[in-house]
Each structure stands twice: as C-alpha cells, then as structure tokens.
Amino acid sequence: MTIEEFKERNKISFKNDKLLEQAFIHRSYINESGRTGLNHNERLEFLGDAVLELIVTEYLYETYPNQNEGDLTAYRSALVNAVTLGEVASYLSFNDMMRLSKGEAKDVTRARSSILADAYEAFIGALYLDQGYAASKEFIKNTILIKTEDIIKNGLYKDAKSLVQERAQDIYSVTPFYKLLDEEGPDHDKRFTVGIFFGDEKVAEGAGKSKQEAETLAAREAIKIKNWK
C-alpha cells in the first residue's frame, strides 16, 4: 500500500509525508537494510504515547465526572493497552505500511500486535507534529475513544489477572501461573512475551513493554479464548 492509498483509505491528510513514513519504520528494518538517511519510529512513539495519554485522560475526566480516580485509570488502561491499540492499527491497515526486518515481517504472534501498537503511538506523534493537538484529538476520538462505552459496558477494564485466577480455580481447580517466553530488544525498548498456563496447558500469550503488561495482556487473551465474561 502506498502512502497516498493509506491516506485515502483512512481519510487523512499530511503536510509532511516523511513524518508519516517514519511512523511505520521499525528499528529492525534499518538495522537489517543498512540504509542511511532513515529514522526509525521510536522518538515519534515516545511523543505519541504522551499525546495519546493526555487526550484519553482529558476525555475520561470530562465525560465521567462522577467516577473516581481508580475507575478512570482502569478505563484508560483498557483503552491504551497494546491489545486495543494493536487491533485499531490493524484495522487501519498499518500492517500494510510497516517496514520491518524479514524476521519481524514473518512474525504474526502477539509480538506483532505490540509492534502495531507502537506504530499507532508513533503515528499520533507524527500527526501531532504535522497538524497539532486538535487534529490528534479528532483522530484519537474516532479510532480509540469510540471504544469507551463498549469497554465499560462489558467490564473489559476490570483486573484481568484476578478474573482469570478466580475462574480457573472455580472451573479447573488450578491456579494460573505466568512464564516468561521471550525477551528481546535493547534496554530502552524491551519487549516481553509471557505465557499463561493452567497446569501444563499454555492457554494464551501476551507481549508488552514490561512483564506486568505482558501478563495482563496474556490474561485478557485467556479470557477471550475461554469466552469468560
């Protein structure tokens, strides 16, 4: 997919297409290709993460004036975690735009979801630099914030690890445990892949920027697999 096709599909415009292209360049692509003159998307991701969190926080604060800090934090976590961002990025065809090493391009596991989530944040960073706060807010509203009502209605913001433990003990008489399956990336940008196990059975995996995030995402995936509400 070309930049123009991507912009047309998602009904967006960019003044500086180089910023948009940079949002999709993974570090592995530069390391493998050895091309000079390219920048990976990690600085844009750093900026976009902050912009995304501010806009989501502002929205929740204004929309739910009677909710306490704990509930608002749980809502925000459900909206900006790697699973939600990865799903949105996939829907927006980020997969077709990513520049990855050959190894990363072949990986279609939970690690790819994490890469797409990072790309979403990098895209927000690029959009913020290109068009400012208002445009970023509008895009986030149309892609992320529209999920808020469904997340609250279906209790998707609740502590996934506690729910999995409760259900596994009730149904299978086992206590779930988490095992680190993979750890990769430089110290400043680690990616952890964790499996959740019921006894000898690996039920699901989760990938995140910390072991805690990976465990939470693995628990969420287990809830989906087991169809536990």
C-alpha atoms as a PDB file:
ATOM      1  CA  MET A   1       0.000   0.000   0.000  1.00  0.00           C
ATOM      2  CA  THR A   2       1.353   3.413  -0.944  1.00  0.00           C
ATOM      3  CA  ILE A   3       1.277   6.483   1.289  1.00  0.00           C
ATOM      4  CA  GLU A   4      -1.413   8.010  -0.928  1.00  0.00           C
ATOM      5  CA  GLU A   5      -3.551   4.870  -0.777  1.00  0.00           C
ATOM      6  CA  PHE A   6      -3.173   4.782   3.009  1.00  0.00           C
ATOM      7  CA  LYS A   7      -4.228   8.413   3.345  1.00  0.00           C
ATOM      8  CA  GLU A   8      -7.195   7.908   1.058  1.00  0.00           C
ATOM      9  CA  ARG A   9      -8.346   4.749   2.850  1.00  0.00           C
ATOM     10  CA  ASN A  10      -8.250   6.429   6.257  1.00  0.00           C
ATOM     11  CA  LYS A  11      -9.415   9.836   5.043  1.00  0.00           C
ATOM     12  CA  ILE A  12      -6.430  11.679   6.421  1.00  0.00           C
ATOM     13  CA  SER A  13      -4.086  14.315   5.022  1.00  0.00           C
ATOM     14  CA  PHE A  14      -0.471  15.071   5.877  1.00  0.00           C
ATOM     15  CA  LYS A  15       1.577  18.145   5.089  1.00  0.00           C
ATOM     16  CA  ASN A  16       4.852  16.263   5.605  1.00  0.00           C
ATOM     17  CA  ASP A  17       4.686  12.734   4.221  1.00  0.00           C
ATOM     18  CA  LYS A  18       8.186  11.980   5.521  1.00  0.00           C
ATOM     19  CA  LEU A  19       6.834  12.171   9.071  1.00  0.00           C
ATOM     20  CA  LEU A  20       4.074   9.761   8.125  1.00  0.00           C
ATOM     21  CA  GLU A  21       6.552   7.343   6.548  1.00  0.00           C
ATOM     22  CA  GLN A  22       8.798   7.488   9.611  1.00  0.00           C
ATOM     23  CA  ALA A  23       5.917   6.392  11.842  1.00  0.00           C
ATOM     24  CA  PHE A  24       5.997   2.988  10.120  1.00  0.00           C
ATOM     25  CA  ILE A  25       9.763   2.355  10.157  1.00  0.00           C
ATOM     26  CA  HIS A  26      10.724  -0.231  12.764  1.00  0.00           C
ATOM     27  CA  ARG A  27      14.256  -0.263  14.154  1.00  0.00           C
ATOM     28  CA  SER A  28      14.792  -3.785  12.781  1.00  0.00           C
ATOM     29  CA  TYR A  29      14.309  -2.554   9.215  1.00  0.00           C
ATOM     30  CA  ILE A  30      17.134  -0.032   9.476  1.00  0.00           C
ATOM     31  CA  ASN A  31      19.427  -2.498  11.241  1.00  0.00           C
ATOM     32  CA  GLU A  32      18.897  -5.123   8.534  1.00  0.00           C
ATOM     33  CA  SER A  33      18.846  -2.922   5.436  1.00  0.00           C
ATOM     34  CA  GLY A  34      21.755  -0.720   6.485  1.00  0.00           C
ATOM     35  CA  ARG A  35      20.123   2.183   4.692  1.00  0.00           C
ATOM     36  CA  THR A  36      21.273   5.626   5.711  1.00  0.00           C
ATOM     37  CA  GLY A  37      19.080   8.696   5.877  1.00  0.00           C
ATOM     38  CA  LEU A  38      16.199   6.852   7.548  1.00  0.00           C
ATOM     39  CA  ASN A  39      14.982   7.293  11.105  1.00  0.00           C
ATOM     40  CA  HIS A  40      13.024   4.634  12.985  1.00  0.00           C
ATOM     41  CA  ASN A  41       9.775   5.469  14.739  1.00  0.00           C
ATOM     42  CA  GLU A  42      10.814   5.281  18.396  1.00  0.00           C
ATOM     43  CA  ARG A  43      11.098   9.038  19.018  1.00  0.00           C
ATOM     44  CA  LEU A  44       7.697   9.572  17.415  1.00  0.00           C
ATOM     45  CA  GLU A  45       6.335   6.735  19.574  1.00  0.00           C
ATOM     46  CA  PHE A  46       7.691   8.480  22.685  1.00  0.00           C
ATOM     47  CA  LEU A  47       5.896  11.692  21.753  1.00  0.00           C
ATOM     48  CA  GLY A  48       2.704   9.994  20.611  1.00  0.00           C
ATOM     49  CA  ASP A  49       2.425   7.990  23.818  1.00  0.00           C
ATOM     50  CA  ALA A  50       2.303  11.231  25.824  1.00  0.00           C
ATOM     51  CA  VAL A  51      -0.187  12.886  23.464  1.00  0.00           C
ATOM     52  CA  LEU A  52      -2.439   9.811  23.471  1.00  0.00           C
ATOM     53  CA  GLU A  53      -2.446   9.518  27.266  1.00  0.00           C
ATOM     54  CA  LEU A  54      -3.248  13.216  27.724  1.00  0.00           C
ATOM     55  CA  ILE A  55      -6.134  13.186  25.238  1.00  0.00           C
ATOM     56  CA  VAL A  56      -7.638   9.974  26.625  1.00  0.00           C
ATOM     57  CA  THR A  57      -7.248  11.242  30.200  1.00  0.00           C
ATOM     58  CA  GLU A  58      -8.863  14.574  29.338  1.00  0.00           C
ATOM     59  CA  TYR A  59     -11.778  12.826  27.644  1.00  0.00           C
ATOM     60  CA  LEU A  60     -12.416  10.465  30.555  1.00  0.00           C
ATOM     61  CA  TYR A  61     -12.135  13.263  33.106  1.00  0.00           C
ATOM     62  CA  GLU A  62     -14.722  15.372  31.276  1.00  0.00           C
ATOM     63  CA  THR A  63     -17.055  12.525  30.248  1.00  0.00           C
ATOM     64  CA  TYR A  64     -17.290  10.715  33.593  1.00  0.00           C
ATOM     65  CA  PRO A  65     -17.364  13.439  36.299  1.00  0.00           C
ATOM     66  CA  ASN A  66     -18.737  11.074  38.947  1.00  0.00           C
ATOM     67  CA  GLN A  67     -16.128   8.332  38.555  1.00  0.00           C
ATOM     68  CA  ASN A  68     -13.196   8.129  40.945  1.00  0.00           C
ATOM     69  CA  GLU A  69      -9.521   8.139  40.017  1.00  0.00           C
ATOM     70  CA  GLY A  70      -9.226   4.363  40.246  1.00  0.00           C
ATOM     71  CA  ASP A  71     -12.056   3.729  37.784  1.00  0.00           C
ATOM     72  CA  LEU A  72     -10.764   6.362  35.356  1.00  0.00           C
ATOM     73  CA  THR A  73      -7.286   4.829  35.482  1.00  0.00           C
ATOM     74  CA  ALA A  74      -8.739   1.386  34.726  1.00  0.00           C
ATOM     75  CA  TYR A  75     -10.743   2.786  31.786  1.00  0.00           C
ATOM     76  CA  ARG A  76      -7.649   4.489  30.404  1.00  0.00           C
ATOM     77  CA  SER A  77      -5.528   1.364  30.739  1.00  0.00           C
ATOM     78  CA  ALA A  78      -8.100  -0.639  28.769  1.00  0.00           C
ATOM     79  CA  LEU A  79      -8.156   1.995  26.018  1.00  0.00           C
ATOM     80  CA  VAL A  80      -4.408   2.462  25.530  1.00  0.00           C
ATOM     81  CA  ASN A  81      -3.030  -1.036  26.130  1.00  0.00           C
ATOM     82  CA  ALA A  82      -1.189  -2.931  23.403  1.00  0.00           C
ATOM     83  CA  VAL A  83      -4.168  -5.142  22.550  1.00  0.00           C
ATOM     84  CA  THR A  84      -6.560  -2.249  21.890  1.00  0.00           C
ATOM     85  CA  LEU A  85      -4.007  -0.153  20.007  1.00  0.00           C
ATOM     86  CA  GLY A  86      -2.829  -3.170  18.011  1.00  0.00           C
ATOM     87  CA  GLU A  87      -6.379  -4.047  16.964  1.00  0.00           C
ATOM     88  CA  VAL A  88      -7.068  -0.465  15.890  1.00  0.00           C
ATOM     89  CA  ALA A  89      -3.780  -0.232  13.998  1.00  0.00           C
ATOM     90  CA  SER A  90      -4.541  -3.490  12.192  1.00  0.00           C
ATOM     91  CA  TYR A  91      -7.995  -2.221  11.204  1.00  0.00           C
ATOM     92  CA  LEU A  92      -6.392   0.950   9.832  1.00  0.00           C
ATOM     93  CA  SER A  93      -4.069  -1.163   7.619  1.00  0.00           C
ATOM     94  CA  PHE A  94      -0.877  -0.292   9.491  1.00  0.00           C
ATOM     95  CA  ASN A  95       0.302  -3.824   8.704  1.00  0.00           C
ATOM     96  CA  ASP A  96       0.487  -2.938   5.033  1.00  0.00           C
ATOM     97  CA  MET A  97       2.627   0.121   5.773  1.00  0.00           C
ATOM     98  CA  MET A  98       5.167  -1.267   8.241  1.00  0.00           C
ATOM     99  CA  ARG A  99       8.817  -1.503   7.265  1.00  0.00           C
ATOM    100  CA  LEU A 100      10.230  -4.441   9.203  1.00  0.00           C
ATOM    101  CA  SER A 101      13.164  -6.798   9.022  1.00  0.00           C
ATOM    102  CA  LYS A 102      12.465 -10.096   7.273  1.00  0.00           C
ATOM    103  CA  GLY A 103      12.307 -11.858  10.618  1.00  0.00           C
ATOM    104  CA  GLU A 104       9.852  -9.394  12.135  1.00  0.00           C
ATOM    105  CA  ALA A 105       7.743  -9.429   8.966  1.00  0.00           C
ATOM    106  CA  LYS A 106       7.223 -13.187   9.313  1.00  0.00           C
ATOM    107  CA  ASP A 107       6.143 -12.943  12.959  1.00  0.00           C
ATOM    108  CA  VAL A 108       2.356 -12.872  13.279  1.00  0.00           C
ATOM    109  CA  THR A 109       2.228 -13.625  17.018  1.00  0.00           C
ATOM    110  CA  ARG A 110       1.346 -11.271  19.857  1.00  0.00           C
ATOM    111  CA  ALA A 111       4.695  -9.527  19.293  1.00  0.00           C
ATOM    112  CA  ARG A 112       3.307  -8.135  16.016  1.00  0.00           C
ATOM    113  CA  SER A 113       0.382  -6.664  17.929  1.00  0.00           C
ATOM    114  CA  SER A 114       2.872  -4.865  20.169  1.00  0.00           C
ATOM    115  CA  ILE A 115       4.743  -3.504  17.133  1.00  0.00           C
ATOM    116  CA  LEU A 116       1.475  -2.247  15.648  1.00  0.00           C
ATOM    117  CA  ALA A 117       0.525  -0.636  18.959  1.00  0.00           C
ATOM    118  CA  ASP A 118       3.863   1.185  18.982  1.00  0.00           C
ATOM    119  CA  ALA A 119       3.252   2.286  15.388  1.00  0.00           C
ATOM    120  CA  TYR A 120      -0.127   3.710  16.383  1.00  0.00           C
ATOM    121  CA  GLU A 121       1.578   5.823  19.039  1.00  0.00           C
ATOM    122  CA  ALA A 122       4.256   6.846  16.526  1.00  0.00           C
ATOM    123  CA  PHE A 123       1.526   7.845  14.078  1.00  0.00           C
ATOM    124  CA  ILE A 124      -0.054  10.043  16.760  1.00  0.00           C
ATOM    125  CA  GLY A 125       3.341  11.644  17.338  1.00  0.00           C
ATOM    126  CA  ALA A 126       3.694  12.319  13.620  1.00  0.00           C
ATOM    127  CA  LEU A 127       0.165  13.694  13.365  1.00  0.00           C
ATOM    128  CA  TYR A 128       0.755  15.971  16.357  1.00  0.00           C
ATOM    129  CA  LEU A 129       3.924  17.404  14.804  1.00  0.00           C
ATOM    130  CA  ASP A 130       2.251  17.768  11.410  1.00  0.00           C
ATOM    131  CA  GLN A 131      -1.113  19.230  12.416  1.00  0.00           C
ATOM    132  CA  GLY A 132      -1.211  19.843  16.157  1.00  0.00           C
ATOM    133  CA  TYR A 133      -3.345  18.906  19.138  1.00  0.00           C
ATOM    134  CA  ALA A 134      -6.815  19.358  17.637  1.00  0.00           C
ATOM    135  CA  ALA A 135      -6.177  17.004  14.698  1.00  0.00           C
ATOM    136  CA  SER A 136      -4.631  14.420  17.016  1.00  0.00           C
ATOM    137  CA  LYS A 137      -7.619  14.641  19.340  1.00  0.00           C
ATOM    138  CA  GLU A 138     -10.063  14.149  16.482  1.00  0.00           C
ATOM    139  CA  PHE A 139      -8.217  11.090  15.176  1.00  0.00           C
ATOM    140  CA  ILE A 140      -7.988   9.504  18.627  1.00  0.00           C
ATOM    141  CA  LYS A 141     -11.665  10.204  19.216  1.00  0.00           C
ATOM    142  CA  ASN A 142     -12.628   8.424  16.003  1.00  0.00           C
ATOM    143  CA  THR A 143     -10.345   5.410  16.472  1.00  0.00           C
ATOM    144  CA  ILE A 144      -9.892   4.832  20.215  1.00  0.00           C
ATOM    145  CA  LEU A 145     -12.402   6.803  22.255  1.00  0.00           C
ATOM    146  CA  ILE A 146     -15.347   5.303  20.371  1.00  0.00           C
ATOM    147  CA  LYS A 147     -14.491   2.048  22.181  1.00  0.00           C
ATOM    148  CA  THR A 148     -15.015   3.514  25.654  1.00  0.00           C
ATOM    149  CA  GLU A 149     -18.696   2.708  26.053  1.00  0.00           C
ATOM    150  CA  ASP A 150     -18.219  -0.912  24.980  1.00  0.00           C
ATOM    151  CA  ILE A 151     -15.242  -1.355  27.322  1.00  0.00           C
ATOM    152  CA  ILE A 152     -17.224  -0.057  30.289  1.00  0.00           C
ATOM    153  CA  LYS A 153     -20.433  -1.891  29.395  1.00  0.00           C
ATOM    154  CA  ASN A 154     -18.672  -5.254  29.074  1.00  0.00           C
ATOM    155  CA  GLY A 155     -16.364  -4.781  32.037  1.00  0.00           C
ATOM    156  CA  LEU A 156     -13.244  -5.017  29.880  1.00  0.00           C
ATOM    157  CA  TYR A 157     -11.471  -2.555  32.177  1.00  0.00           C
ATOM    158  CA  LYS A 158     -11.564  -4.905  35.159  1.00  0.00           C
ATOM    159  CA  ASP A 159      -8.494  -6.661  36.528  1.00  0.00           C
ATOM    160  CA  ALA A 160      -7.977  -9.490  34.048  1.00  0.00           C
ATOM    161  CA  LYS A 161      -5.476 -11.423  36.170  1.00  0.00           C
ATOM    162  CA  SER A 162      -7.833 -11.591  39.143  1.00  0.00           C
ATOM    163  CA  LEU A 163     -10.715 -12.713  36.945  1.00  0.00           C
ATOM    164  CA  VAL A 164      -8.647 -15.454  35.283  1.00  0.00           C
ATOM    165  CA  GLN A 165      -7.429 -16.750  38.638  1.00  0.00           C
ATOM    166  CA  GLU A 166     -10.951 -16.813  40.050  1.00  0.00           C
ATOM    167  CA  ARG A 167     -12.443 -18.620  37.047  1.00  0.00           C
ATOM    168  CA  ALA A 168      -9.570 -21.086  36.657  1.00  0.00           C
ATOM    169  CA  GLN A 169      -9.793 -22.095  40.295  1.00  0.00           C
ATOM    170  CA  ASP A 170     -13.575 -22.442  40.158  1.00  0.00           C
ATOM    171  CA  ILE A 171     -13.751 -24.353  36.867  1.00  0.00           C
ATOM    172  CA  TYR A 172     -10.456 -26.259  36.631  1.00  0.00           C
ATOM    173  CA  SER A 173      -9.271 -26.278  40.270  1.00  0.00           C
ATOM    174  CA  VAL A 174      -5.917 -24.861  39.181  1.00  0.00           C
ATOM    175  CA  THR A 175      -4.106 -21.620  39.921  1.00  0.00           C
ATOM    176  CA  PRO A 176      -2.823 -19.984  36.717  1.00  0.00           C
ATOM    177  CA  PHE A 177       0.850 -19.127  36.512  1.00  0.00           C
ATOM    178  CA  TYR A 178       2.826 -16.940  34.146  1.00  0.00           C
ATOM    179  CA  LYS A 179       6.071 -17.835  32.420  1.00  0.00           C
ATOM    180  CA  LEU A 180       8.436 -15.543  30.510  1.00  0.00           C
ATOM    181  CA  LEU A 181       8.697 -16.979  26.985  1.00  0.00           C
ATOM    182  CA  ASP A 182      10.827 -14.369  25.256  1.00  0.00           C
ATOM    183  CA  GLU A 183      12.676 -11.133  25.925  1.00  0.00           C
ATOM    184  CA  GLU A 184      14.075  -9.034  23.112  1.00  0.00           C
ATOM    185  CA  GLY A 185      15.140  -5.549  22.152  1.00  0.00           C
ATOM    186  CA  PRO A 186      17.584  -3.003  23.590  1.00  0.00           C
ATOM    187  CA  ASP A 187      17.360  -1.995  27.250  1.00  0.00           C
ATOM    188  CA  HIS A 188      15.404   1.173  26.478  1.00  0.00           C
ATOM    189  CA  ASP A 189      12.851  -0.678  24.344  1.00  0.00           C
ATOM    190  CA  LYS A 190      12.426  -4.186  25.756  1.00  0.00           C
ATOM    191  CA  ARG A 191       9.627  -6.460  24.598  1.00  0.00           C
ATOM    192  CA  PHE A 192       8.492  -9.268  26.862  1.00  0.00           C
ATOM    193  CA  THR A 193       6.374 -12.227  25.788  1.00  0.00           C
ATOM    194  CA  VAL A 194       4.654 -14.093  28.604  1.00  0.00           C
ATOM    195  CA  GLY A 195       2.536 -17.247  28.544  1.00  0.00           C
ATOM    196  CA  ILE A 196      -0.299 -18.010  30.932  1.00  0.00           C
ATOM    197  CA  PHE A 197      -0.572 -21.667  31.929  1.00  0.00           C
ATOM    198  CA  PHE A 198      -3.273 -23.790  33.542  1.00  0.00           C
ATOM    199  CA  GLY A 199      -1.129 -26.647  34.773  1.00  0.00           C
ATOM    200  CA  ASP A 200       0.764 -27.975  31.738  1.00  0.00           C
ATOM    201  CA  GLU A 201      -1.558 -26.208  29.264  1.00  0.00           C
ATOM    202  CA  LYS A 202      -0.415 -22.928  27.776  1.00  0.00           C
ATOM    203  CA  VAL A 203      -3.689 -21.064  27.316  1.00  0.00           C
ATOM    204  CA  ALA A 204      -2.534 -17.774  25.820  1.00  0.00           C
ATOM    205  CA  GLU A 205       0.344 -15.351  25.301  1.00  0.00           C
ATOM    206  CA  GLY A 206       0.777 -11.631  25.791  1.00  0.00           C
ATOM    207  CA  ALA A 207       3.529  -9.247  24.671  1.00  0.00           C
ATOM    208  CA  GLY A 208       4.266  -5.890  26.239  1.00  0.00           C
ATOM    209  CA  LYS A 209       6.842  -3.331  27.287  1.00  0.00           C
ATOM    210  CA  SER A 210       7.041  -4.795  30.795  1.00  0.00           C
ATOM    211  CA  LYS A 211       6.496  -8.243  32.289  1.00  0.00           C
ATOM    212  CA  GLN A 212       3.470  -6.902  34.155  1.00  0.00           C
ATOM    213  CA  GLU A 213       1.870  -5.565  30.975  1.00  0.00           C
ATOM    214  CA  ALA A 214       2.601  -8.825  29.149  1.00  0.00           C
ATOM    215  CA  GLU A 215       0.997 -10.845  31.955  1.00  0.00           C
ATOM    216  CA  THR A 216      -2.094  -8.638  31.933  1.00  0.00           C
ATOM    217  CA  LEU A 217      -2.442  -8.954  28.168  1.00  0.00           C
ATOM    218  CA  ALA A 218      -1.960 -12.725  28.374  1.00  0.00           C
ATOM    219  CA  ALA A 219      -4.751 -12.841  30.956  1.00  0.00           C
ATOM    220  CA  ARG A 220      -7.015 -10.778  28.691  1.00  0.00           C
ATOM    221  CA  GLU A 221      -6.302 -13.128  25.804  1.00  0.00           C
ATOM    222  CA  ALA A 222      -7.097 -16.134  28.017  1.00  0.00           C
ATOM    223  CA  ILE A 223     -10.449 -14.534  28.891  1.00  0.00           C
ATOM    224  CA  LYS A 224     -11.238 -14.219  25.182  1.00  0.00           C
ATOM    225  CA  ILE A 225     -10.150 -17.788  24.426  1.00  0.00           C
ATOM    226  CA  LYS A 226     -12.201 -19.229  27.281  1.00  0.00           C
ATOM    227  CA  ASN A 227     -15.122 -16.912  26.463  1.00  0.00           C
ATOM    228  CA  TRP A 228     -15.340 -15.730  30.058  1.00  0.00           C
ATOM    229  CA  LYS A 229     -17.321 -12.549  30.539  1.00  0.00           C
END
